[in-house]
Amino acid sequence: MESVGNNDANRDELIIQQQREIEKEISDSTPLVSGQLPLTCLREEYNGDEIFTEKIRELSKKYKFIRRTRPDGNCFFRAFAYSYLEYLITNNTAYQEFKILAEASKDKLVQLGFPSFTLEDFHETFMDVIKRVNPTNSEENEKVKNELHTVFNEQGYSDYVVVYLRLITSGKLQEDADFYQNFIEGDFSIEEFRHQEVEPMYKESDHIHIIALCTALGVGVRVEYLDRGEGDQVKAHDFPEGSEPKVYLIYRPGHYDILYPN
């Protein structure tokens, strides 16, 4: 009997391992950030599914393009960073304000107890990416947008930006621990949640990550939730509540992509 049990366990482990290999293969073959695609391309994914087809039709009245991100658990942070930097390319005042905030963010994290040597490389790369998308003049906008796309598809740069945004999110959770503790499910302390669910790469993001990051950076985000909820409308949620969105994302169970309003 024991050998049968062992065989079952081995079979289960093999199935899980094969599934992970398939997921990794799909992930690795997907660009970190795609080019702009017509929103209607979503219909092909849900061909024959009336609920999703109708919701996509309604969504296409508000948005014209989608930009996909790699489904690797970092999709929220990567989509957020790409979308907001793309917005800043055509908004010089907001760009200069964000650059100052980003420059000062490392010292703030050090004050919160993050080791300076841990932050150094990530902050330096983060600032380098921000400087590379400096909106010099409107004639250069397309060139700068191409540079942004190139940078975000270079794994080293792209992942370092994600890591730094995770650290900023973690810092905000620590700074306002009493407030965010109310959003954490289970028996996690803020400290445990930060170290296990926020700081590690490939950990998926939830409302608490979004609220903390948006609040820390002063950026409004609208997330459109494409799911099997009631009605034919896709429900939208703004973070923080009442803010003016500068970043538009679509969420499908477990994944975020970038949206472009009409």
C-alpha atoms as a PDB file:
ATOM      1  CA  MET A   1       0.000   0.000   0.000  1.00  0.00           C
ATOM      2  CA  GLU A   2       2.850   2.331   0.840  1.00  0.00           C
ATOM      3  CA  SER A   3       4.366   1.878  -2.604  1.00  0.00           C
ATOM      4  CA  VAL A   4       0.999   2.737  -4.233  1.00  0.00           C
ATOM      5  CA  GLY A   5       0.862   5.904  -2.120  1.00  0.00           C
ATOM      6  CA  ASN A   6       4.407   6.776  -3.139  1.00  0.00           C
ATOM      7  CA  ASN A   7       3.566   6.211  -6.816  1.00  0.00           C
ATOM      8  CA  ASP A   8       0.559   8.548  -6.520  1.00  0.00           C
ATOM      9  CA  ALA A   9       2.693  11.201  -4.837  1.00  0.00           C
ATOM     10  CA  ASN A  10       5.402  10.875  -7.498  1.00  0.00           C
ATOM     11  CA  ARG A  11       2.781  11.089 -10.242  1.00  0.00           C
ATOM     12  CA  ASP A  12       1.318  14.243  -8.681  1.00  0.00           C
ATOM     13  CA  GLU A  13       4.765  15.812  -8.424  1.00  0.00           C
ATOM     14  CA  LEU A  14       5.478  14.930 -12.052  1.00  0.00           C
ATOM     15  CA  ILE A  15       2.186  16.493 -13.201  1.00  0.00           C
ATOM     16  CA  ILE A  16       2.913  19.671 -11.208  1.00  0.00           C
ATOM     17  CA  GLN A  17       6.444  19.807 -12.603  1.00  0.00           C
ATOM     18  CA  GLN A  18       5.193  19.377 -16.184  1.00  0.00           C
ATOM     19  CA  GLN A  19       2.587  22.095 -15.637  1.00  0.00           C
ATOM     20  CA  ARG A  20       5.265  24.485 -14.356  1.00  0.00           C
ATOM     21  CA  GLU A  21       7.467  23.722 -17.363  1.00  0.00           C
ATOM     22  CA  ILE A  22       4.566  24.432 -19.746  1.00  0.00           C
ATOM     23  CA  GLU A  23       3.774  27.699 -17.922  1.00  0.00           C
ATOM     24  CA  LYS A  24       7.452  28.719 -18.055  1.00  0.00           C
ATOM     25  CA  GLU A  25       7.618  27.930 -21.776  1.00  0.00           C
ATOM     26  CA  ILE A  26       4.523  30.067 -22.456  1.00  0.00           C
ATOM     27  CA  SER A  27       5.883  32.859 -20.273  1.00  0.00           C
ATOM     28  CA  ASP A  28       9.368  32.834 -21.813  1.00  0.00           C
ATOM     29  CA  SER A  29       7.962  32.916 -25.348  1.00  0.00           C
ATOM     30  CA  THR A  30       5.863  36.020 -24.555  1.00  0.00           C
ATOM     31  CA  PRO A  31       7.535  39.459 -24.761  1.00  0.00           C
ATOM     32  CA  LEU A  32       7.840  41.299 -21.444  1.00  0.00           C
ATOM     33  CA  VAL A  33       5.696  44.033 -23.032  1.00  0.00           C
ATOM     34  CA  SER A  34       4.033  43.674 -26.444  1.00  0.00           C
ATOM     35  CA  GLY A  35       3.339  46.282 -29.080  1.00  0.00           C
ATOM     36  CA  GLN A  36      -0.043  48.010 -29.183  1.00  0.00           C
ATOM     37  CA  LEU A  37      -2.782  45.657 -30.360  1.00  0.00           C
ATOM     38  CA  PRO A  38      -6.423  46.373 -31.252  1.00  0.00           C
ATOM     39  CA  LEU A  39      -8.636  45.603 -28.265  1.00  0.00           C
ATOM     40  CA  THR A  40     -10.746  43.387 -30.516  1.00  0.00           C
ATOM     41  CA  CYS A  41      -7.909  40.801 -30.420  1.00  0.00           C
ATOM     42  CA  LEU A  42      -9.364  39.738 -27.049  1.00  0.00           C
ATOM     43  CA  ARG A  43     -12.393  38.308 -28.852  1.00  0.00           C
ATOM     44  CA  GLU A  44     -10.241  35.576 -30.386  1.00  0.00           C
ATOM     45  CA  GLU A  45      -9.304  34.368 -26.893  1.00  0.00           C
ATOM     46  CA  TYR A  46     -12.955  34.064 -25.868  1.00  0.00           C
ATOM     47  CA  ASN A  47     -14.406  32.924 -29.178  1.00  0.00           C
ATOM     48  CA  GLY A  48     -17.798  31.312 -28.527  1.00  0.00           C
ATOM     49  CA  ASP A  49     -18.020  32.649 -24.962  1.00  0.00           C
ATOM     50  CA  GLU A  50     -21.062  34.940 -25.040  1.00  0.00           C
ATOM     51  CA  ILE A  51     -20.476  36.575 -21.643  1.00  0.00           C
ATOM     52  CA  PHE A  52     -16.901  37.629 -22.397  1.00  0.00           C
ATOM     53  CA  THR A  53     -17.640  38.506 -26.039  1.00  0.00           C
ATOM     54  CA  GLU A  54     -20.390  40.918 -24.973  1.00  0.00           C
ATOM     55  CA  LYS A  55     -18.214  42.480 -22.268  1.00  0.00           C
ATOM     56  CA  ILE A  56     -15.329  42.959 -24.710  1.00  0.00           C
ATOM     57  CA  ARG A  57     -17.753  44.617 -27.158  1.00  0.00           C
ATOM     58  CA  GLU A  58     -18.826  47.061 -24.434  1.00  0.00           C
ATOM     59  CA  LEU A  59     -15.218  47.647 -23.374  1.00  0.00           C
ATOM     60  CA  SER A  60     -14.222  48.482 -26.963  1.00  0.00           C
ATOM     61  CA  LYS A  61     -16.553  51.495 -26.803  1.00  0.00           C
ATOM     62  CA  LYS A  62     -14.174  53.031 -24.231  1.00  0.00           C
ATOM     63  CA  TYR A  63     -10.778  51.656 -25.253  1.00  0.00           C
ATOM     64  CA  LYS A  64      -9.107  51.172 -28.624  1.00  0.00           C
ATOM     65  CA  PHE A  65      -5.832  49.383 -27.858  1.00  0.00           C
ATOM     66  CA  ILE A  66      -4.342  46.876 -25.450  1.00  0.00           C
ATOM     67  CA  ARG A  67      -0.678  46.209 -24.715  1.00  0.00           C
ATOM     68  CA  ARG A  68       0.031  42.783 -23.284  1.00  0.00           C
ATOM     69  CA  THR A  69       2.527  42.022 -20.532  1.00  0.00           C
ATOM     70  CA  ARG A  70       4.226  38.721 -19.778  1.00  0.00           C
ATOM     71  CA  PRO A  71       2.101  36.609 -17.377  1.00  0.00           C
ATOM     72  CA  ASP A  72       4.887  36.020 -14.858  1.00  0.00           C
ATOM     73  CA  GLY A  73       3.426  37.372 -11.600  1.00  0.00           C
ATOM     74  CA  ASN A  74       5.091  40.759 -12.174  1.00  0.00           C
ATOM     75  CA  CYS A  75       2.494  41.929 -14.690  1.00  0.00           C
ATOM     76  CA  PHE A  76       0.858  44.597 -12.496  1.00  0.00           C
ATOM     77  CA  PHE A  77       4.124  46.348 -11.642  1.00  0.00           C
ATOM     78  CA  ARG A  78       5.454  46.087 -15.209  1.00  0.00           C
ATOM     79  CA  ALA A  79       2.192  47.306 -16.748  1.00  0.00           C
ATOM     80  CA  PHE A  80       1.908  50.169 -14.238  1.00  0.00           C
ATOM     81  CA  ALA A  81       5.496  51.351 -14.808  1.00  0.00           C
ATOM     82  CA  TYR A  82       5.293  51.157 -18.595  1.00  0.00           C
ATOM     83  CA  SER A  83       1.921  52.884 -18.803  1.00  0.00           C
ATOM     84  CA  TYR A  84       2.810  55.718 -16.429  1.00  0.00           C
ATOM     85  CA  LEU A  85       6.197  56.413 -18.028  1.00  0.00           C
ATOM     86  CA  GLU A  86       4.477  56.439 -21.429  1.00  0.00           C
ATOM     87  CA  TYR A  87       2.023  59.026 -20.070  1.00  0.00           C
ATOM     88  CA  LEU A  88       4.924  61.138 -18.727  1.00  0.00           C
ATOM     89  CA  ILE A  89       6.578  61.284 -22.163  1.00  0.00           C
ATOM     90  CA  THR A  90       3.849  63.686 -23.302  1.00  0.00           C
ATOM     91  CA  ASN A  91       3.410  65.470 -19.941  1.00  0.00           C
ATOM     92  CA  ASN A  92       6.595  67.328 -19.100  1.00  0.00           C
ATOM     93  CA  THR A  93       5.386  68.984 -15.854  1.00  0.00           C
ATOM     94  CA  ALA A  94       4.224  65.647 -14.418  1.00  0.00           C
ATOM     95  CA  TYR A  95       7.505  64.075 -15.609  1.00  0.00           C
ATOM     96  CA  GLN A  96       9.653  66.628 -13.745  1.00  0.00           C
ATOM     97  CA  GLU A  97       7.572  66.205 -10.560  1.00  0.00           C
ATOM     98  CA  PHE A  98       7.821  62.403 -10.757  1.00  0.00           C
ATOM     99  CA  LYS A  99      11.565  62.553 -11.378  1.00  0.00           C
ATOM    100  CA  ILE A 100      12.040  64.558  -8.148  1.00  0.00           C
ATOM    101  CA  LEU A 101       9.826  62.131  -6.201  1.00  0.00           C
ATOM    102  CA  ALA A 102      11.688  59.107  -7.638  1.00  0.00           C
ATOM    103  CA  GLU A 103      15.072  60.644  -6.832  1.00  0.00           C
ATOM    104  CA  ALA A 104      14.043  61.189  -3.199  1.00  0.00           C
ATOM    105  CA  SER A 105      12.421  57.753  -2.817  1.00  0.00           C
ATOM    106  CA  LYS A 106      15.653  55.916  -1.962  1.00  0.00           C
ATOM    107  CA  ASP A 107      16.404  58.156   1.054  1.00  0.00           C
ATOM    108  CA  LYS A 108      12.826  57.679   2.252  1.00  0.00           C
ATOM    109  CA  LEU A 109      13.183  53.885   2.073  1.00  0.00           C
ATOM    110  CA  VAL A 110      16.500  54.104   3.962  1.00  0.00           C
ATOM    111  CA  GLN A 111      14.727  56.121   6.680  1.00  0.00           C
ATOM    112  CA  LEU A 112      12.156  53.313   6.888  1.00  0.00           C
ATOM    113  CA  GLY A 113      14.961  50.842   7.588  1.00  0.00           C
ATOM    114  CA  PHE A 114      15.753  49.409   4.138  1.00  0.00           C
ATOM    115  CA  PRO A 115      19.524  48.806   3.766  1.00  0.00           C
ATOM    116  CA  SER A 116      21.093  51.397   1.468  1.00  0.00           C
ATOM    117  CA  PHE A 117      23.346  48.834  -0.254  1.00  0.00           C
ATOM    118  CA  THR A 118      20.264  46.740  -1.173  1.00  0.00           C
ATOM    119  CA  LEU A 119      18.558  49.728  -2.790  1.00  0.00           C
ATOM    120  CA  GLU A 120      21.529  51.261  -4.591  1.00  0.00           C
ATOM    121  CA  ASP A 121      21.559  49.313  -7.876  1.00  0.00           C
ATOM    122  CA  PHE A 122      17.776  49.102  -8.184  1.00  0.00           C
ATOM    123  CA  HIS A 123      17.316  52.844  -7.566  1.00  0.00           C
ATOM    124  CA  GLU A 124      20.129  53.726  -9.976  1.00  0.00           C
ATOM    125  CA  THR A 125      18.548  51.618 -12.746  1.00  0.00           C
ATOM    126  CA  PHE A 126      15.092  53.047 -11.969  1.00  0.00           C
ATOM    127  CA  MET A 127      16.447  56.595 -12.352  1.00  0.00           C
ATOM    128  CA  ASP A 128      18.321  55.623 -15.519  1.00  0.00           C
ATOM    129  CA  VAL A 129      15.081  54.374 -17.111  1.00  0.00           C
ATOM    130  CA  ILE A 130      13.246  57.560 -16.070  1.00  0.00           C
ATOM    131  CA  LYS A 131      16.004  59.733 -17.582  1.00  0.00           C
ATOM    132  CA  ARG A 132      15.931  57.735 -20.815  1.00  0.00           C
ATOM    133  CA  VAL A 133      12.281  58.690 -21.381  1.00  0.00           C
ATOM    134  CA  ASN A 134      12.803  62.409 -20.744  1.00  0.00           C
ATOM    135  CA  PRO A 135      10.211  64.263 -22.899  1.00  0.00           C
ATOM    136  CA  THR A 136      12.562  66.754 -24.585  1.00  0.00           C
ATOM    137  CA  ASN A 137      10.105  68.020 -27.215  1.00  0.00           C
ATOM    138  CA  SER A 138       6.952  66.847 -28.963  1.00  0.00           C
ATOM    139  CA  GLU A 139       8.840  65.993 -32.175  1.00  0.00           C
ATOM    140  CA  GLU A 140      10.874  63.423 -30.264  1.00  0.00           C
ATOM    141  CA  ASN A 141       7.884  61.733 -28.572  1.00  0.00           C
ATOM    142  CA  GLU A 142       7.674  58.724 -30.901  1.00  0.00           C
ATOM    143  CA  LYS A 143      11.405  58.161 -30.676  1.00  0.00           C
ATOM    144  CA  VAL A 144      11.243  58.265 -26.866  1.00  0.00           C
ATOM    145  CA  LYS A 145       8.263  55.888 -26.837  1.00  0.00           C
ATOM    146  CA  ASN A 146      10.279  53.440 -28.945  1.00  0.00           C
ATOM    147  CA  GLU A 147      13.126  53.769 -26.432  1.00  0.00           C
ATOM    148  CA  LEU A 148      10.698  52.983 -23.585  1.00  0.00           C
ATOM    149  CA  HIS A 149       9.527  49.857 -25.407  1.00  0.00           C
ATOM    150  CA  THR A 150      13.106  48.723 -26.020  1.00  0.00           C
ATOM    151  CA  VAL A 151      14.120  49.287 -22.398  1.00  0.00           C
ATOM    152  CA  PHE A 152      11.118  47.424 -20.990  1.00  0.00           C
ATOM    153  CA  ASN A 153      11.874  44.400 -23.139  1.00  0.00           C
ATOM    154  CA  GLU A 154      15.438  44.202 -21.826  1.00  0.00           C
ATOM    155  CA  GLN A 155      15.064  41.817 -18.881  1.00  0.00           C
ATOM    156  CA  GLY A 156      17.736  43.471 -16.730  1.00  0.00           C
ATOM    157  CA  TYR A 157      16.224  46.957 -16.894  1.00  0.00           C
ATOM    158  CA  SER A 158      12.627  45.775 -16.854  1.00  0.00           C
ATOM    159  CA  ASP A 159      13.021  43.496 -13.836  1.00  0.00           C
ATOM    160  CA  TYR A 160      15.031  46.074 -11.861  1.00  0.00           C
ATOM    161  CA  VAL A 161      12.168  48.567 -12.316  1.00  0.00           C
ATOM    162  CA  VAL A 162       9.724  45.923 -11.045  1.00  0.00           C
ATOM    163  CA  VAL A 163      11.929  45.161  -8.020  1.00  0.00           C
ATOM    164  CA  TYR A 164      12.194  48.840  -7.110  1.00  0.00           C
ATOM    165  CA  LEU A 165       8.437  49.382  -7.372  1.00  0.00           C
ATOM    166  CA  ARG A 166       7.933  46.349  -5.123  1.00  0.00           C
ATOM    167  CA  LEU A 167      10.259  47.955  -2.562  1.00  0.00           C
ATOM    168  CA  ILE A 168       8.376  51.268  -2.755  1.00  0.00           C
ATOM    169  CA  THR A 169       5.113  49.351  -2.229  1.00  0.00           C
ATOM    170  CA  SER A 170       6.601  47.492   0.730  1.00  0.00           C
ATOM    171  CA  GLY A 171       7.842  50.761   2.219  1.00  0.00           C
ATOM    172  CA  LYS A 172       4.369  52.319   1.986  1.00  0.00           C
ATOM    173  CA  LEU A 173       2.831  49.283   3.723  1.00  0.00           C
ATOM    174  CA  GLN A 174       5.369  49.660   6.516  1.00  0.00           C
ATOM    175  CA  GLU A 175       4.884  53.430   6.780  1.00  0.00           C
ATOM    176  CA  ASP A 176       1.082  53.143   7.110  1.00  0.00           C
ATOM    177  CA  ALA A 177       0.976  49.689   8.712  1.00  0.00           C
ATOM    178  CA  ASP A 178      -2.058  50.400  10.921  1.00  0.00           C
ATOM    179  CA  PHE A 179      -4.167  51.320   7.891  1.00  0.00           C
ATOM    180  CA  TYR A 180      -3.059  48.477   5.607  1.00  0.00           C
ATOM    181  CA  GLN A 181      -3.313  45.791   8.276  1.00  0.00           C
ATOM    182  CA  ASN A 182      -7.113  46.020   7.824  1.00  0.00           C
ATOM    183  CA  PHE A 183      -6.807  44.817   4.209  1.00  0.00           C
ATOM    184  CA  ILE A 184      -4.695  41.748   4.915  1.00  0.00           C
ATOM    185  CA  GLU A 185      -6.528  38.441   5.028  1.00  0.00           C
ATOM    186  CA  GLY A 186      -5.534  35.580   7.308  1.00  0.00           C
ATOM    187  CA  ASP A 187      -3.031  35.796  10.125  1.00  0.00           C
ATOM    188  CA  PHE A 188      -0.328  37.686   8.246  1.00  0.00           C
ATOM    189  CA  SER A 189       1.337  40.574  10.042  1.00  0.00           C
ATOM    190  CA  ILE A 190       2.306  43.539   7.825  1.00  0.00           C
ATOM    191  CA  GLU A 191       5.929  42.469   8.170  1.00  0.00           C
ATOM    192  CA  GLU A 192       5.196  38.912   7.005  1.00  0.00           C
ATOM    193  CA  PHE A 193       2.975  40.107   4.156  1.00  0.00           C
ATOM    194  CA  ARG A 194       5.647  42.524   2.892  1.00  0.00           C
ATOM    195  CA  HIS A 195       8.425  39.931   2.942  1.00  0.00           C
ATOM    196  CA  GLN A 196       6.349  37.046   1.546  1.00  0.00           C
ATOM    197  CA  GLU A 197       3.790  38.634  -0.811  1.00  0.00           C
ATOM    198  CA  VAL A 198       5.172  42.012  -1.915  1.00  0.00           C
ATOM    199  CA  GLU A 199       8.959  42.088  -2.120  1.00  0.00           C
ATOM    200  CA  PRO A 200       9.636  38.720  -3.852  1.00  0.00           C
ATOM    201  CA  MET A 201       9.545  38.699  -7.662  1.00  0.00           C
ATOM    202  CA  TYR A 202       6.801  36.736  -9.436  1.00  0.00           C
ATOM    203  CA  LYS A 203       4.298  37.202  -6.592  1.00  0.00           C
ATOM    204  CA  GLU A 204       0.918  38.307  -7.966  1.00  0.00           C
ATOM    205  CA  SER A 205      -0.596  41.633  -6.950  1.00  0.00           C
ATOM    206  CA  ASP A 206      -3.912  42.369  -5.281  1.00  0.00           C
ATOM    207  CA  HIS A 207      -5.805  45.516  -4.269  1.00  0.00           C
ATOM    208  CA  ILE A 208      -3.463  46.176  -1.365  1.00  0.00           C
ATOM    209  CA  HIS A 209      -0.397  46.319  -3.663  1.00  0.00           C
ATOM    210  CA  ILE A 210      -2.176  48.694  -6.044  1.00  0.00           C
ATOM    211  CA  ILE A 211      -3.445  51.054  -3.327  1.00  0.00           C
ATOM    212  CA  ALA A 212      -0.054  51.225  -1.611  1.00  0.00           C
ATOM    213  CA  LEU A 213       1.930  51.877  -4.808  1.00  0.00           C
ATOM    214  CA  CYS A 214      -0.531  54.434  -6.205  1.00  0.00           C
ATOM    215  CA  THR A 215      -0.606  56.288  -2.887  1.00  0.00           C
ATOM    216  CA  ALA A 216       3.180  56.239  -2.528  1.00  0.00           C
ATOM    217  CA  LEU A 217       3.691  57.706  -6.025  1.00  0.00           C
ATOM    218  CA  GLY A 218       0.565  59.882  -6.207  1.00  0.00           C
ATOM    219  CA  VAL A 219      -0.631  58.193  -9.413  1.00  0.00           C
ATOM    220  CA  GLY A 220      -4.268  57.372 -10.201  1.00  0.00           C
ATOM    221  CA  VAL A 221      -4.998  53.999 -11.807  1.00  0.00           C
ATOM    222  CA  ARG A 222      -8.222  52.662 -13.303  1.00  0.00           C
ATOM    223  CA  VAL A 223      -8.548  48.887 -13.469  1.00  0.00           C
ATOM    224  CA  GLU A 224     -11.230  47.344 -15.690  1.00  0.00           C
ATOM    225  CA  TYR A 225     -12.218  43.897 -14.381  1.00  0.00           C
ATOM    226  CA  LEU A 226     -13.070  41.451 -17.163  1.00  0.00           C
ATOM    227  CA  ASP A 227     -14.686  38.475 -15.463  1.00  0.00           C
ATOM    228  CA  ARG A 228     -17.919  36.495 -15.272  1.00  0.00           C
ATOM    229  CA  GLY A 229     -19.604  38.981 -12.949  1.00  0.00           C
ATOM    230  CA  GLU A 230     -23.233  39.952 -13.524  1.00  0.00           C
ATOM    231  CA  GLY A 231     -24.341  42.117 -16.441  1.00  0.00           C
ATOM    232  CA  ASP A 232     -22.666  42.942 -19.745  1.00  0.00           C
ATOM    233  CA  GLN A 233     -20.566  45.822 -18.397  1.00  0.00           C
ATOM    234  CA  VAL A 234     -16.965  45.497 -17.278  1.00  0.00           C
ATOM    235  CA  LYS A 235     -16.655  46.912 -13.768  1.00  0.00           C
ATOM    236  CA  ALA A 236     -14.033  49.628 -13.307  1.00  0.00           C
ATOM    237  CA  HIS A 237     -12.304  50.543 -10.057  1.00  0.00           C
ATOM    238  CA  ASP A 238     -10.163  53.624  -9.468  1.00  0.00           C
ATOM    239  CA  PHE A 239      -7.154  53.525  -7.140  1.00  0.00           C
ATOM    240  CA  PRO A 240      -6.956  55.496  -4.917  1.00  0.00           C
ATOM    241  CA  GLU A 241     -10.724  55.998  -4.869  1.00  0.00           C
ATOM    242  CA  GLY A 242     -11.759  59.339  -6.346  1.00  0.00           C
ATOM    243  CA  SER A 243      -8.425  59.934  -8.095  1.00  0.00           C
ATOM    244  CA  GLU A 244      -8.039  60.941 -11.732  1.00  0.00           C
ATOM    245  CA  PRO A 245      -6.607  57.949 -13.634  1.00  0.00           C
ATOM    246  CA  LYS A 246      -3.362  58.379 -15.526  1.00  0.00           C
ATOM    247  CA  VAL A 247      -2.860  54.633 -15.974  1.00  0.00           C
ATOM    248  CA  TYR A 248      -5.489  52.276 -17.413  1.00  0.00           C
ATOM    249  CA  LEU A 249      -5.231  48.526 -16.906  1.00  0.00           C
ATOM    250  CA  ILE A 250      -7.406  45.515 -17.661  1.00  0.00           C
ATOM    251  CA  TYR A 251      -7.528  42.676 -15.163  1.00  0.00           C
ATOM    252  CA  ARG A 252      -8.449  39.135 -16.054  1.00  0.00           C
ATOM    253  CA  PRO A 253      -8.129  36.511 -13.305  1.00  0.00           C
ATOM    254  CA  GLY A 254      -4.454  36.489 -12.362  1.00  0.00           C
ATOM    255  CA  HIS A 255      -3.251  38.959 -15.002  1.00  0.00           C
ATOM    256  CA  TYR A 256      -2.939  42.682 -15.854  1.00  0.00           C
ATOM    257  CA  ASP A 257      -2.460  44.293 -19.285  1.00  0.00           C
ATOM    258  CA  ILE A 258      -2.371  47.959 -20.397  1.00  0.00           C
ATOM    259  CA  LEU A 259      -5.364  49.717 -21.941  1.00  0.00           C
ATOM    260  CA  TYR A 260      -5.556  52.840 -24.147  1.00  0.00           C
ATOM    261  CA  PRO A 261      -8.739  54.942 -23.919  1.00  0.00           C
ATOM    262  CA  ASN A 262     -10.466  56.165 -27.087  1.00  0.00           C
END
